[in-house]
Protein backbone atom coordinates (compact mmCIF):
# COMPACT_ATOMS: atom_id res chain seq x y z
CA MET A 1 -61.57 -11.01 -32.69
CA LYS A 2 -59.00 -8.79 -34.37
CA PRO A 3 -56.76 -6.72 -32.08
CA GLU A 4 -57.67 -3.09 -32.00
CA VAL A 5 -55.36 -0.89 -34.04
CA ARG A 6 -54.79 2.59 -32.65
CA ALA A 7 -54.76 5.59 -34.93
CA ASP A 8 -51.09 6.30 -34.26
CA ASP A 9 -50.22 2.76 -35.39
CA ARG A 10 -51.27 3.57 -38.96
CA ASP A 11 -49.15 5.16 -41.63
CA THR A 12 -50.35 8.07 -43.74
CA ALA A 13 -52.06 5.72 -46.11
CA GLY A 14 -54.10 4.18 -43.32
CA ASN A 15 -52.17 0.91 -43.25
CA THR A 16 -51.00 -0.65 -40.01
CA ALA A 17 -47.28 0.23 -39.37
CA ARG A 18 -45.11 -2.68 -38.20
CA THR A 19 -41.40 -2.52 -37.26
CA PRO A 20 -39.37 -5.03 -39.29
CA THR A 21 -38.20 -8.01 -37.24
CA TRP A 22 -34.52 -7.43 -37.94
CA ILE A 23 -34.72 -3.88 -36.57
CA ARG A 24 -36.39 -5.11 -33.38
CA VAL A 25 -33.69 -7.78 -32.95
CA LEU A 26 -30.98 -5.17 -33.46
CA ILE A 27 -32.54 -2.84 -30.90
CA PHE A 28 -32.76 -5.60 -28.29
CA ALA A 29 -29.14 -6.60 -29.01
CA LEU A 30 -27.94 -3.02 -28.55
CA ILE A 31 -29.85 -2.69 -25.27
CA ALA A 32 -28.32 -5.94 -24.00
CA LEU A 33 -24.83 -4.77 -25.02
CA VAL A 34 -25.27 -1.48 -23.16
CA LEU A 35 -26.49 -3.25 -20.02
CA VAL A 36 -23.52 -5.61 -20.07
CA ALA A 37 -20.93 -2.87 -20.71
CA LEU A 38 -22.36 -0.26 -18.32
CA PRO A 39 -20.67 -1.53 -15.11
CA SER A 40 -17.27 -1.55 -16.81
CA VAL A 41 -17.81 1.91 -18.20
CA LEU A 42 -18.80 3.24 -14.80
CA SER A 43 -15.80 1.54 -13.22
CA THR A 44 -13.46 3.07 -15.82
CA CYS A 45 -14.94 6.50 -15.29
CA ASP A 46 -14.50 5.97 -11.52
CA ALA A 47 -16.62 8.66 -9.97
CA GLY A 48 -14.34 8.49 -6.94
CA ALA A 49 -11.45 9.70 -9.08
CA ARG A 50 -12.88 13.19 -9.07
CA MET A 51 -10.83 15.53 -6.93
CA PRO A 52 -12.79 17.07 -4.04
CA ALA A 53 -13.69 20.69 -4.79
CA SER A 54 -12.44 21.80 -1.37
CA LEU A 55 -8.83 20.69 -1.91
CA SER A 56 -6.01 23.20 -1.94
CA LEU A 57 -2.27 23.05 -1.31
CA LYS A 58 0.06 25.81 -0.17
CA VAL A 59 3.59 25.85 -1.54
CA GLU A 60 6.28 27.96 0.12
CA GLY A 61 10.02 28.43 -0.10
CA MET A 62 12.74 29.15 -2.65
CA GLY A 63 10.90 32.21 -3.94
CA VAL A 64 7.62 30.32 -4.34
CA SER A 65 4.52 31.36 -2.42
CA LYS A 66 1.25 30.20 -3.85
CA THR A 67 -1.87 28.22 -3.13
CA LEU A 68 -2.77 25.58 -5.69
CA SER A 69 -6.49 25.17 -6.27
CA VAL A 70 -8.33 22.18 -7.74
CA PRO A 71 -7.87 23.35 -11.36
CA ASP A 72 -4.13 23.74 -10.70
CA LEU A 73 -3.88 20.30 -9.10
CA ASN A 74 -5.97 18.70 -11.84
CA SER A 75 -3.50 19.94 -14.43
CA ILE A 76 -0.70 17.88 -12.83
CA ASP A 77 -0.06 14.25 -13.80
CA GLN A 78 -1.86 11.65 -11.72
CA ALA A 79 -0.71 8.20 -10.59
CA LYS A 80 -2.06 5.27 -8.60
CA GLY A 81 -0.92 1.92 -7.27
CA LEU A 82 -0.68 -0.54 -4.44
CA TYR A 83 1.90 0.66 -1.91
CA THR A 84 3.67 -1.40 0.72
CA ALA A 85 5.24 0.02 3.88
CA VAL A 86 6.68 -0.88 7.27
CA ASN A 87 5.99 1.16 10.39
CA ASN A 88 8.04 1.60 13.57
CA TRP A 89 6.25 -1.15 15.50
CA PRO A 90 7.35 -2.80 13.12
CA SER A 91 4.36 -4.05 11.11
CA HIS A 92 3.96 -4.49 7.38
CA LYS A 93 1.22 -2.40 5.77
CA GLN A 94 -0.38 -2.19 2.35
CA TYR A 95 -2.31 0.68 0.80
CA ALA A 96 -4.24 1.42 -2.37
CA ALA A 97 -3.79 5.05 -3.33
CA GLY A 98 -4.30 7.41 -6.24
CA GLY A 99 -3.57 11.08 -6.60
CA ILE A 100 -1.16 13.80 -7.70
CA SER A 101 2.33 12.82 -8.84
CA VAL A 102 4.79 14.58 -6.51
CA GLU A 103 7.51 14.53 -9.17
CA SER A 104 5.21 16.26 -11.66
CA LEU A 105 4.12 18.74 -9.01
CA LEU A 106 7.71 19.71 -8.25
CA SER A 107 8.50 19.93 -11.96
CA SER A 108 5.55 22.30 -12.50
CA LEU A 109 6.98 24.68 -9.89
CA GLN A 110 10.16 25.11 -11.98
CA VAL A 111 12.46 25.00 -8.97
CA SER A 112 15.05 22.44 -7.86
CA PRO A 113 14.66 21.91 -4.11
CA LYS A 114 17.03 19.70 -2.17
CA THR A 115 14.61 19.08 0.69
CA ILE A 116 10.81 19.02 0.67
CA THR A 117 8.76 19.13 3.87
CA PHE A 118 5.14 17.97 3.89
CA VAL A 119 3.04 19.63 6.60
CA SER A 120 -0.23 18.28 7.97
CA ARG A 121 -3.22 20.30 9.11
CA ASP A 122 -2.38 19.42 12.73
CA GLY A 123 1.27 20.49 12.38
CA TYR A 124 2.82 17.04 11.95
CA SER A 125 5.46 17.08 9.23
CA ALA A 126 7.92 14.86 7.43
CA ALA A 127 10.83 15.94 5.27
CA LEU A 128 12.36 14.03 2.37
CA THR A 129 15.29 14.90 0.21
CA TYR A 130 14.67 15.37 -3.49
CA GLN A 131 16.70 12.22 -4.12
CA GLN A 132 14.55 10.19 -1.71
CA LEU A 133 11.40 11.31 -3.50
CA THR A 134 12.60 10.75 -7.05
CA GLU A 135 14.84 7.66 -6.86
CA PRO A 136 13.18 4.41 -8.02
CA ARG A 137 10.87 3.10 -5.30
CA TYR A 138 8.77 -0.03 -5.34
CA SER A 139 5.74 -1.90 -4.10
CA PHE A 140 6.30 -5.40 -2.78
CA ALA A 141 2.60 -6.26 -2.80
CA SER A 142 2.86 -9.28 -5.09
CA ALA A 143 4.88 -12.45 -4.84
CA GLY A 144 6.57 -11.61 -8.13
CA ALA A 145 9.02 -8.88 -8.98
CA PRO A 146 8.68 -5.53 -7.18
CA VAL A 147 6.58 -2.97 -9.05
CA ARG A 148 7.83 0.59 -9.35
CA VAL A 149 5.43 3.17 -7.91
CA LYS A 150 5.48 6.96 -7.90
CA PRO A 151 5.32 9.22 -4.83
CA ILE A 152 1.88 10.81 -4.73
CA LEU A 153 -0.36 13.12 -2.76
CA ALA A 154 -3.35 10.81 -2.61
CA TYR A 155 -6.98 11.93 -2.55
CA ARG A 156 -8.17 8.34 -3.04
CA TYR A 157 -6.82 6.05 -0.37
CA ALA A 158 -7.40 2.85 1.58
CA ALA A 159 -5.34 1.13 4.26
CA ASP A 160 -5.11 -2.66 4.49
CA ALA A 161 -6.01 -2.81 0.81
CA THR A 162 -5.52 -5.69 -1.60
CA ALA A 163 -6.72 -4.07 -4.85
CA LEU A 164 -7.03 -0.65 -6.43
CA SER A 165 -10.81 -1.02 -6.27
CA ASP A 166 -10.48 -0.67 -2.47
CA MET A 167 -9.64 3.03 -2.82
CA LYS A 168 -12.09 5.48 -1.25
CA PRO A 169 -12.42 9.20 -1.98
CA GLN A 170 -10.80 11.39 0.68
CA SER A 171 -11.38 15.01 1.59
CA SER A 172 -7.66 15.71 2.05
CA LEU A 173 -4.25 14.75 0.69
CA THR A 174 -1.96 12.00 2.03
CA LEU A 175 1.72 11.63 1.11
CA VAL A 176 2.37 8.05 -0.03
CA PHE A 177 5.53 6.61 -1.61
CA GLY A 178 7.25 3.31 -2.24
CA GLN A 179 10.09 1.40 -0.61
CA LEU A 180 13.69 0.75 -1.61
CA THR A 181 13.55 -2.67 0.07
CA ALA A 182 10.67 -4.71 1.47
CA SER A 183 11.85 -3.97 5.03
CA GLU A 184 12.36 -0.21 4.70
CA ALA A 185 10.33 1.70 7.30
CA THR A 186 8.57 4.29 5.15
CA ASN A 187 5.24 4.46 6.97
CA PRO A 188 6.31 7.10 9.56
CA ALA A 189 6.88 9.55 6.70
CA PHE A 190 3.37 9.08 5.26
CA VAL A 191 1.72 12.40 6.13
CA GLU A 192 -2.08 12.63 6.27
CA ASN A 193 -4.09 15.83 5.75
CA VAL A 194 -1.28 17.56 3.89
CA VAL A 195 -2.05 21.27 3.52
CA LYS A 196 1.39 22.69 2.76
CA ILE A 197 4.76 21.78 1.31
CA VAL A 198 7.90 23.76 2.08
CA LEU A 199 10.80 23.81 -0.37
CA SER A 200 14.40 24.29 0.67
CA ASP A 201 17.70 24.47 -1.18
CA LYS A 202 19.48 23.33 2.02
CA GLU A 203 20.44 19.72 2.65
CA GLU A 204 21.76 18.24 5.87
CA THR A 205 23.48 14.97 6.75
CA TRP A 206 22.56 12.65 9.60
CA GLU A 207 25.04 12.35 12.45
CA SER A 208 26.97 9.08 12.56
CA PRO A 209 26.02 6.41 15.12
CA GLY A 210 27.91 6.09 18.39
CA MET A 211 28.78 3.05 20.49
CA PHE A 212 28.61 2.10 24.15
CA PRO A 213 30.96 1.49 25.83
CA PRO A 214 32.83 4.25 23.99
CA SER A 215 36.21 2.69 24.82
CA GLY A 216 35.32 -0.38 22.78
CA VAL A 217 36.82 -2.65 25.43
CA VAL A 218 34.56 -5.44 26.68
CA ALA A 219 34.82 -8.75 28.49
CA PRO A 220 34.23 -11.99 26.54
CA GLY A 221 30.49 -12.47 25.97
CA ASP A 222 29.63 -8.85 26.76
CA VAL A 223 27.50 -6.73 24.44
CA VAL A 224 27.93 -3.36 22.79
CA LYS A 225 25.15 -0.93 22.01
CA LEU A 226 24.81 1.38 19.03
CA THR A 227 23.41 4.81 19.79
CA HIS A 228 22.11 7.86 17.96
CA PRO A 229 20.73 11.21 19.20
CA SER A 230 17.83 10.87 16.74
CA ALA A 231 17.14 7.18 17.26
CA GLY A 232 13.40 7.65 16.62
CA LEU A 233 14.03 9.22 13.22
CA VAL A 234 16.80 7.05 11.82
CA LYS A 235 17.52 3.38 11.34
CA ILE A 236 21.00 2.11 12.17
CA TYR A 237 22.41 -0.58 9.88
CA TYR A 238 25.65 -2.37 10.72
CA THR A 239 28.09 -5.06 9.65
CA LEU A 240 30.56 -7.22 11.55
CA ASP A 241 32.70 -8.34 8.62
CA GLY A 242 34.26 -5.02 7.65
CA ALA A 243 31.83 -4.40 4.77
CA THR A 244 30.18 -1.02 4.28
CA PRO A 245 26.64 -1.17 5.70
CA THR A 246 23.61 -0.61 3.47
CA LEU A 247 19.82 -1.01 3.65
CA ASP A 248 20.41 -4.74 3.18
CA SER A 249 22.67 -5.01 6.24
CA LYS A 250 21.60 -5.97 9.75
CA LEU A 251 19.15 -3.50 11.30
CA TYR A 252 19.99 -2.53 14.88
CA ASN A 253 16.80 -0.65 15.86
CA PRO A 254 13.75 -2.11 14.08
CA SER A 255 11.25 -0.79 16.65
CA THR A 256 10.56 2.56 18.28
CA TYR A 257 7.89 1.07 20.54
CA GLN A 258 9.30 -2.34 21.45
CA PRO A 259 12.80 -1.73 22.84
CA GLU A 260 13.29 -5.44 23.46
CA LEU A 261 13.56 -5.87 19.69
CA ASN A 262 16.56 -3.52 19.55
CA LYS A 263 19.13 -6.06 20.65
CA PRO A 264 22.71 -5.17 21.65
CA ILE A 265 25.51 -6.90 19.75
CA PRO A 266 27.20 -9.77 21.60
CA VAL A 267 30.99 -9.89 21.22
CA SER A 268 33.20 -12.87 21.99
CA ALA A 269 36.30 -11.87 20.00
CA ASP A 270 37.94 -8.74 18.64
CA THR A 271 35.46 -7.31 16.15
CA THR A 272 35.18 -4.43 13.70
CA ILE A 273 31.69 -2.91 13.66
CA LYS A 274 30.71 -0.54 10.88
CA ALA A 275 27.46 1.40 11.24
CA ILE A 276 25.47 3.97 9.30
CA ALA A 277 22.38 6.03 10.12
CA LEU A 278 19.70 6.32 7.42
CA GLY A 279 16.58 8.45 7.66
CA PHE A 280 14.27 10.66 5.64
CA GLY A 281 14.95 14.33 5.11
CA LYS A 282 18.75 14.15 5.28
CA GLN A 283 21.62 12.46 3.54
CA PRO A 284 22.96 9.19 5.05
CA SER A 285 25.52 9.61 7.79
CA ALA A 286 29.16 8.91 7.32
CA VAL A 287 30.06 5.31 8.14
CA ALA A 288 31.23 4.94 11.72
CA THR A 289 33.90 2.31 12.38
CA PHE A 290 34.34 0.84 15.86
CA GLN A 291 37.17 -1.48 16.91
CA VAL A 292 35.92 -3.68 19.73
CA LYS A 293 38.58 -5.37 21.85
CA VAL A 294 37.90 -8.32 24.12
CA ARG A 295 39.94 -8.34 27.33
């Protein structure tokens, strides 16, 4: 029995219309190509990259007073990356984050602040100097060379992340930036739910560390302690060989929450201790020099 031919299968001359084989093969090949490529296309488009419509950011200070809406924020350069950090426990952390480039944001305001304060919805704030925000900072996420990352206000974010694909859309902004060294404690200055930034043309300097006992005279085997009025906000780095301390020197106070990790310095002979206080929002302190005498 011949298969029934429908009327719409015939051409105008009444002959049965058949699609050439090569066209059918091409159609199937194109469909297969689209199905294979679709996941990559969707990943590239990254629906999560869309900025939430409810976002806004107030900017105040140095003659600026405005609220940036989503169109304003979308016009600013974006950046993303894996960010490493250390908190005050201290524990090492890693984040995947994407959002608004802070450097580009500041450039768009056409002002030159010396200090920038990021304020959370709940009132928590962290200040950074312009230099701290714009100097080269890095991620130490891989075993290879450190990767430079930009400071951002992230609206895609994930803690304990291992890949950029871990990022999740957020309804608010989070300040995220890189480290100068793999041990630098940057995490306390990550501000969540940022709603305002305050610009200032003022810049302060951290007070230098102190020492106890202040006389510098100790018995053999005794210890000396380094002190600072803002010990929770600064890290004290020191040397015992007369060299100027830096971020790569010995860290006196690694933990805010585990005081047993902040060990006094044992002294068995006359020693010169040099110490510096480093923290966000102010310039490094002057180097303090202590002559310790053993009696």
